[in-house]
Amino acid sequence: QVQLVESGGGSVQAGGSLRLSCAASGSTASINLMGWHRQAPGKQRELVASISRSGITYTANSLKGRFTISRDNVQNTVSLQMNSLKPDDTAVYYCYARDVRDGSDIWGQGTLVTVSS
């Protein structure tokens, strides 16, 4: 089993920055892809960014240039640096990890990011 614990959410004014971190524990050797989704109030959950064990990244087009994902395979952590935040970035951000054994996704508990104008 893999467990994910997120940290780093909070409140910030528009234009500010936040860094989210997610630590994986347990059967981490079975994880390939890690990343972040977010869900804003009244909206569907959307993929923000992902990164493979080898470092190949994906970032949603609308977030490129502002959000950067990184990973530490030794510490089993994935981070999301969010700059130039906008009120539209307000959401619960969820860390996820994909288990290569069955393709299932494991989710963290979510961390709230609130951006005020």
N, C-alpha and C. Protein backbone atom coordinates (compact mmCIF):
# COMPACT_ATOMS: atom_id res chain seq x y z
N GLN A 1 0.83 -1.19 0.00
CA GLN A 1 0.00 0.00 0.00
C GLN A 1 0.87 1.25 0.00
N VAL A 2 0.35 2.27 -0.63
CA VAL A 2 1.03 3.56 -0.69
C VAL A 2 0.17 4.59 0.01
N GLN A 3 0.77 5.42 0.80
CA GLN A 3 0.07 6.52 1.45
C GLN A 3 0.69 7.84 1.00
N LEU A 4 -0.16 8.82 0.81
CA LEU A 4 0.29 10.14 0.36
C LEU A 4 -0.17 11.19 1.38
N VAL A 5 0.75 12.07 1.72
CA VAL A 5 0.43 13.15 2.65
C VAL A 5 0.87 14.46 2.04
N GLU A 6 -0.09 15.37 1.88
CA GLU A 6 0.19 16.66 1.26
C GLU A 6 0.44 17.72 2.33
N SER A 7 1.15 18.74 1.93
CA SER A 7 1.36 19.90 2.80
C SER A 7 1.60 21.12 1.93
N GLY A 8 1.45 22.29 2.54
CA GLY A 8 1.80 23.52 1.85
C GLY A 8 0.65 24.37 1.37
N GLY A 9 -0.57 23.91 1.52
CA GLY A 9 -1.69 24.74 1.10
C GLY A 9 -1.87 25.92 2.03
N GLY A 10 -2.77 26.80 1.66
CA GLY A 10 -3.03 27.96 2.50
C GLY A 10 -3.68 29.07 1.70
N SER A 11 -3.65 30.25 2.27
CA SER A 11 -4.25 31.43 1.65
C SER A 11 -3.16 32.39 1.20
N VAL A 12 -3.37 32.97 0.04
CA VAL A 12 -2.40 33.90 -0.51
C VAL A 12 -3.15 34.93 -1.35
N GLN A 13 -2.58 36.08 -1.49
CA GLN A 13 -3.17 37.10 -2.35
C GLN A 13 -2.79 36.84 -3.80
N ALA A 14 -3.61 37.34 -4.69
CA ALA A 14 -3.33 37.21 -6.12
C ALA A 14 -1.93 37.75 -6.43
N GLY A 15 -1.22 37.01 -7.26
CA GLY A 15 0.15 37.38 -7.60
C GLY A 15 1.19 36.69 -6.72
N GLY A 16 0.73 36.08 -5.65
CA GLY A 16 1.65 35.43 -4.74
C GLY A 16 2.01 34.02 -5.18
N SER A 17 2.78 33.34 -4.35
CA SER A 17 3.27 32.00 -4.66
C SER A 17 3.00 31.05 -3.49
N LEU A 18 2.85 29.81 -3.84
CA LEU A 18 2.77 28.74 -2.85
C LEU A 18 3.49 27.52 -3.40
N ARG A 19 3.98 26.71 -2.49
CA ARG A 19 4.62 25.45 -2.89
C ARG A 19 3.93 24.32 -2.14
N LEU A 20 3.38 23.40 -2.91
CA LEU A 20 2.76 22.21 -2.34
C LEU A 20 3.75 21.06 -2.38
N SER A 21 3.70 20.24 -1.35
CA SER A 21 4.54 19.05 -1.32
C SER A 21 3.70 17.84 -0.97
N CYS A 22 4.12 16.70 -1.45
CA CYS A 22 3.42 15.46 -1.19
C CYS A 22 4.46 14.38 -0.93
N ALA A 23 4.34 13.73 0.19
CA ALA A 23 5.27 12.66 0.57
C ALA A 23 4.58 11.32 0.46
N ALA A 24 5.23 10.41 -0.22
CA ALA A 24 4.71 9.05 -0.37
C ALA A 24 5.43 8.12 0.59
N SER A 25 4.69 7.18 1.13
CA SER A 25 5.28 6.17 2.00
C SER A 25 4.63 4.82 1.69
N GLY A 26 5.26 3.78 2.17
CA GLY A 26 4.75 2.43 1.92
C GLY A 26 5.45 1.82 0.72
N SER A 27 4.69 1.18 -0.15
CA SER A 27 5.26 0.47 -1.30
C SER A 27 5.61 1.43 -2.44
N THR A 28 6.52 2.32 -2.18
CA THR A 28 6.82 3.39 -3.15
C THR A 28 7.53 2.88 -4.40
N ALA A 29 8.13 1.71 -4.33
CA ALA A 29 8.82 1.18 -5.51
C ALA A 29 7.84 0.88 -6.64
N SER A 30 6.57 0.74 -6.33
CA SER A 30 5.57 0.43 -7.36
C SER A 30 4.99 1.67 -8.02
N ILE A 31 5.44 2.83 -7.60
CA ILE A 31 4.92 4.09 -8.15
C ILE A 31 5.74 4.52 -9.35
N ASN A 32 5.06 4.88 -10.44
CA ASN A 32 5.75 5.51 -11.55
C ASN A 32 5.33 6.98 -11.61
N LEU A 33 4.11 7.21 -12.00
CA LEU A 33 3.64 8.58 -12.18
C LEU A 33 3.17 9.18 -10.86
N MET A 34 3.52 10.43 -10.63
CA MET A 34 3.00 11.20 -9.50
C MET A 34 2.57 12.56 -10.02
N GLY A 35 1.66 13.19 -9.33
CA GLY A 35 1.24 14.50 -9.80
C GLY A 35 0.17 15.12 -8.94
N TRP A 36 -0.47 16.11 -9.53
CA TRP A 36 -1.48 16.89 -8.83
C TRP A 36 -2.72 17.09 -9.70
N HIS A 37 -3.84 16.94 -9.07
CA HIS A 37 -5.11 17.38 -9.63
C HIS A 37 -5.64 18.50 -8.74
N ARG A 38 -6.64 19.18 -9.21
CA ARG A 38 -7.32 20.15 -8.36
C ARG A 38 -8.81 20.15 -8.67
N GLN A 39 -9.56 20.57 -7.67
CA GLN A 39 -11.00 20.66 -7.84
C GLN A 39 -11.48 21.95 -7.20
N ALA A 40 -11.98 22.82 -8.05
CA ALA A 40 -12.53 24.09 -7.59
C ALA A 40 -14.00 23.89 -7.21
N PRO A 41 -14.55 24.75 -6.38
CA PRO A 41 -15.95 24.63 -5.98
C PRO A 41 -16.87 24.59 -7.19
N GLY A 42 -17.71 23.57 -7.26
CA GLY A 42 -18.68 23.46 -8.33
C GLY A 42 -18.11 22.99 -9.66
N LYS A 43 -16.85 22.59 -9.67
CA LYS A 43 -16.23 22.16 -10.92
C LYS A 43 -15.70 20.74 -10.78
N GLN A 44 -15.42 20.14 -11.94
CA GLN A 44 -14.86 18.80 -11.94
C GLN A 44 -13.37 18.85 -11.59
N ARG A 45 -12.90 17.74 -11.08
CA ARG A 45 -11.47 17.64 -10.80
C ARG A 45 -10.71 17.65 -12.12
N GLU A 46 -9.60 18.38 -12.13
CA GLU A 46 -8.80 18.48 -13.35
C GLU A 46 -7.34 18.20 -13.05
N LEU A 47 -6.65 17.67 -14.06
CA LEU A 47 -5.23 17.38 -13.92
C LEU A 47 -4.45 18.68 -14.01
N VAL A 48 -3.58 18.89 -13.05
CA VAL A 48 -2.73 20.08 -13.05
C VAL A 48 -1.39 19.76 -13.67
N ALA A 49 -0.72 18.76 -13.15
CA ALA A 49 0.60 18.40 -13.63
C ALA A 49 0.94 17.01 -13.16
N SER A 50 1.85 16.37 -13.89
CA SER A 50 2.32 15.05 -13.50
C SER A 50 3.79 14.92 -13.88
N ILE A 51 4.44 13.95 -13.25
CA ILE A 51 5.84 13.71 -13.52
C ILE A 51 6.14 12.24 -13.34
N SER A 52 6.86 11.67 -14.28
CA SER A 52 7.21 10.26 -14.19
C SER A 52 8.46 10.08 -13.33
N ARG A 53 8.74 8.83 -13.02
CA ARG A 53 9.93 8.55 -12.23
C ARG A 53 11.20 9.03 -12.95
N SER A 54 11.17 8.97 -14.28
CA SER A 54 12.34 9.39 -15.06
C SER A 54 12.39 10.90 -15.27
N GLY A 55 11.36 11.62 -14.81
CA GLY A 55 11.40 13.07 -14.88
C GLY A 55 10.64 13.70 -16.02
N ILE A 56 9.91 12.91 -16.77
CA ILE A 56 9.10 13.47 -17.85
C ILE A 56 7.88 14.14 -17.23
N THR A 57 7.67 15.38 -17.60
CA THR A 57 6.61 16.16 -16.97
C THR A 57 5.49 16.49 -17.95
N TYR A 58 4.34 16.71 -17.38
CA TYR A 58 3.19 17.24 -18.09
C TYR A 58 2.60 18.34 -17.23
N THR A 59 2.28 19.47 -17.83
CA THR A 59 1.59 20.55 -17.13
C THR A 59 0.43 21.01 -18.00
N ALA A 60 -0.72 21.20 -17.42
CA ALA A 60 -1.86 21.69 -18.17
C ALA A 60 -1.50 22.97 -18.91
N ASN A 61 -1.93 23.06 -20.14
CA ASN A 61 -1.54 24.20 -20.99
C ASN A 61 -1.84 25.54 -20.32
N SER A 62 -2.98 25.62 -19.67
CA SER A 62 -3.39 26.89 -19.08
C SER A 62 -2.52 27.29 -17.88
N LEU A 63 -1.70 26.36 -17.40
CA LEU A 63 -0.90 26.62 -16.21
C LEU A 63 0.60 26.71 -16.50
N LYS A 64 0.96 26.40 -17.73
CA LYS A 64 2.37 26.46 -18.09
C LYS A 64 2.91 27.87 -17.90
N GLY A 65 4.10 27.94 -17.39
CA GLY A 65 4.71 29.24 -17.13
C GLY A 65 4.47 29.75 -15.72
N ARG A 66 3.46 29.18 -15.06
CA ARG A 66 3.18 29.58 -13.68
C ARG A 66 3.38 28.45 -12.69
N PHE A 67 3.06 27.23 -13.11
CA PHE A 67 3.16 26.07 -12.23
C PHE A 67 4.31 25.17 -12.70
N THR A 68 5.09 24.69 -11.74
CA THR A 68 6.19 23.80 -12.06
C THR A 68 6.17 22.60 -11.12
N ILE A 69 6.23 21.42 -11.70
CA ILE A 69 6.22 20.20 -10.90
C ILE A 69 7.64 19.65 -10.83
N SER A 70 7.97 19.08 -9.68
CA SER A 70 9.28 18.46 -9.52
C SER A 70 9.14 17.25 -8.61
N ARG A 71 10.18 16.45 -8.61
CA ARG A 71 10.08 15.17 -7.88
C ARG A 71 11.44 14.80 -7.32
N ASP A 72 11.42 14.19 -6.17
CA ASP A 72 12.63 13.65 -5.55
C ASP A 72 12.39 12.16 -5.34
N ASN A 73 13.04 11.35 -6.15
CA ASN A 73 12.81 9.90 -6.08
C ASN A 73 13.45 9.26 -4.85
N VAL A 74 14.41 9.91 -4.27
CA VAL A 74 15.04 9.39 -3.06
C VAL A 74 14.13 9.64 -1.85
N GLN A 75 13.62 10.85 -1.77
CA GLN A 75 12.72 11.20 -0.67
C GLN A 75 11.27 10.78 -0.94
N ASN A 76 10.99 10.34 -2.16
CA ASN A 76 9.63 9.96 -2.56
C ASN A 76 8.66 11.12 -2.34
N THR A 77 9.05 12.25 -2.85
CA THR A 77 8.19 13.43 -2.76
C THR A 77 7.95 14.03 -4.14
N VAL A 78 6.84 14.69 -4.26
CA VAL A 78 6.54 15.46 -5.46
C VAL A 78 6.08 16.83 -4.99
N SER A 79 6.54 17.85 -5.69
CA SER A 79 6.21 19.22 -5.29
C SER A 79 5.61 19.98 -6.46
N LEU A 80 4.83 20.98 -6.13
CA LEU A 80 4.22 21.84 -7.13
C LEU A 80 4.47 23.28 -6.73
N GLN A 81 5.30 23.95 -7.49
CA GLN A 81 5.57 25.36 -7.26
C GLN A 81 4.57 26.18 -8.07
N MET A 82 3.81 27.01 -7.38
CA MET A 82 2.76 27.79 -8.03
C MET A 82 3.07 29.27 -7.86
N ASN A 83 3.29 29.93 -8.98
CA ASN A 83 3.61 31.35 -8.97
C ASN A 83 2.51 32.16 -9.66
N SER A 84 2.54 33.44 -9.42
CA SER A 84 1.56 34.35 -10.04
C SER A 84 0.14 33.82 -9.89
N LEU A 85 -0.18 33.44 -8.69
CA LEU A 85 -1.48 32.82 -8.44
C LEU A 85 -2.63 33.77 -8.70
N LYS A 86 -3.72 33.21 -9.18
CA LYS A 86 -4.93 33.95 -9.51
C LYS A 86 -6.08 33.42 -8.67
N PRO A 87 -7.11 34.23 -8.48
CA PRO A 87 -8.28 33.72 -7.75
C PRO A 87 -8.85 32.44 -8.36
N ASP A 88 -8.74 32.28 -9.68
CA ASP A 88 -9.23 31.07 -10.34
C ASP A 88 -8.44 29.83 -9.96
N ASP A 89 -7.30 30.00 -9.33
CA ASP A 89 -6.51 28.85 -8.87
C ASP A 89 -7.02 28.31 -7.55
N THR A 90 -7.97 28.99 -6.96
CA THR A 90 -8.55 28.52 -5.70
C THR A 90 -9.20 27.16 -5.90
N ALA A 91 -8.76 26.19 -5.12
CA ALA A 91 -9.23 24.82 -5.27
C ALA A 91 -8.64 23.96 -4.16
N VAL A 92 -9.17 22.76 -4.06
CA VAL A 92 -8.49 21.74 -3.27
C VAL A 92 -7.54 21.01 -4.21
N TYR A 93 -6.30 20.93 -3.82
CA TYR A 93 -5.29 20.28 -4.64
C TYR A 93 -5.00 18.90 -4.07
N TYR A 94 -5.06 17.91 -4.95
CA TYR A 94 -4.88 16.53 -4.55
C TYR A 94 -3.62 15.96 -5.19
N CYS A 95 -2.80 15.38 -4.38
CA CYS A 95 -1.65 14.63 -4.87
C CYS A 95 -2.12 13.24 -5.27
N TYR A 96 -1.52 12.71 -6.32
CA TYR A 96 -1.85 11.33 -6.68
C TYR A 96 -0.59 10.60 -7.12
N ALA A 97 -0.67 9.28 -7.03
CA ALA A 97 0.43 8.41 -7.47
C ALA A 97 -0.18 7.22 -8.19
N ARG A 98 0.45 6.82 -9.27
CA ARG A 98 -0.05 5.70 -10.06
C ARG A 98 0.79 4.45 -9.78
N ASP A 99 0.10 3.41 -9.41
CA ASP A 99 0.74 2.14 -9.12
C ASP A 99 0.92 1.36 -10.42
N VAL A 100 2.17 1.04 -10.78
CA VAL A 100 2.42 0.35 -12.04
C VAL A 100 1.91 -1.08 -12.03
N ARG A 101 1.67 -1.65 -10.87
CA ARG A 101 1.25 -3.04 -10.79
C ARG A 101 -0.15 -3.23 -11.36
N ASP A 102 -1.05 -2.28 -11.15
CA ASP A 102 -2.41 -2.43 -11.66
C ASP A 102 -2.96 -1.16 -12.28
N GLY A 103 -2.14 -0.13 -12.37
CA GLY A 103 -2.59 1.11 -12.99
C GLY A 103 -3.52 1.94 -12.14
N SER A 104 -3.70 1.56 -10.90
CA SER A 104 -4.61 2.30 -10.03
C SER A 104 -3.96 3.58 -9.52
N ASP A 105 -4.79 4.55 -9.21
CA ASP A 105 -4.32 5.82 -8.66
C ASP A 105 -4.61 5.88 -7.16
N ILE A 106 -3.61 6.30 -6.43
CA ILE A 106 -3.74 6.53 -5.00
C ILE A 106 -3.81 8.03 -4.79
N TRP A 107 -4.68 8.46 -3.89
CA TRP A 107 -4.90 9.89 -3.70
C TRP A 107 -4.55 10.33 -2.29
N GLY A 108 -4.06 11.55 -2.20
CA GLY A 108 -3.89 12.17 -0.90
C GLY A 108 -5.21 12.75 -0.43
N GLN A 109 -5.18 13.34 0.76
CA GLN A 109 -6.41 13.83 1.35
C GLN A 109 -6.83 15.20 0.81
N GLY A 110 -5.92 15.85 0.13
CA GLY A 110 -6.21 17.16 -0.45
C GLY A 110 -5.76 18.28 0.45
N THR A 111 -5.35 19.37 -0.16
CA THR A 111 -4.95 20.55 0.59
C THR A 111 -5.56 21.77 -0.10
N LEU A 112 -6.15 22.65 0.69
CA LEU A 112 -6.88 23.78 0.15
C LEU A 112 -5.96 24.94 -0.15
N VAL A 113 -6.10 25.48 -1.34
CA VAL A 113 -5.40 26.69 -1.75
C VAL A 113 -6.46 27.76 -2.03
N THR A 114 -6.33 28.88 -1.35
CA THR A 114 -7.27 29.98 -1.53
C THR A 114 -6.50 31.21 -1.98
N VAL A 115 -6.90 31.75 -3.12
CA VAL A 115 -6.24 32.95 -3.65
C VAL A 115 -7.25 34.08 -3.66
N SER A 116 -6.93 35.12 -2.93
CA SER A 116 -7.84 36.26 -2.83
C SER A 116 -7.39 37.40 -3.74
N SER A 117 -8.36 38.14 -4.21
CA SER A 117 -8.04 39.24 -5.13
C SER A 117 -7.74 40.52 -4.39
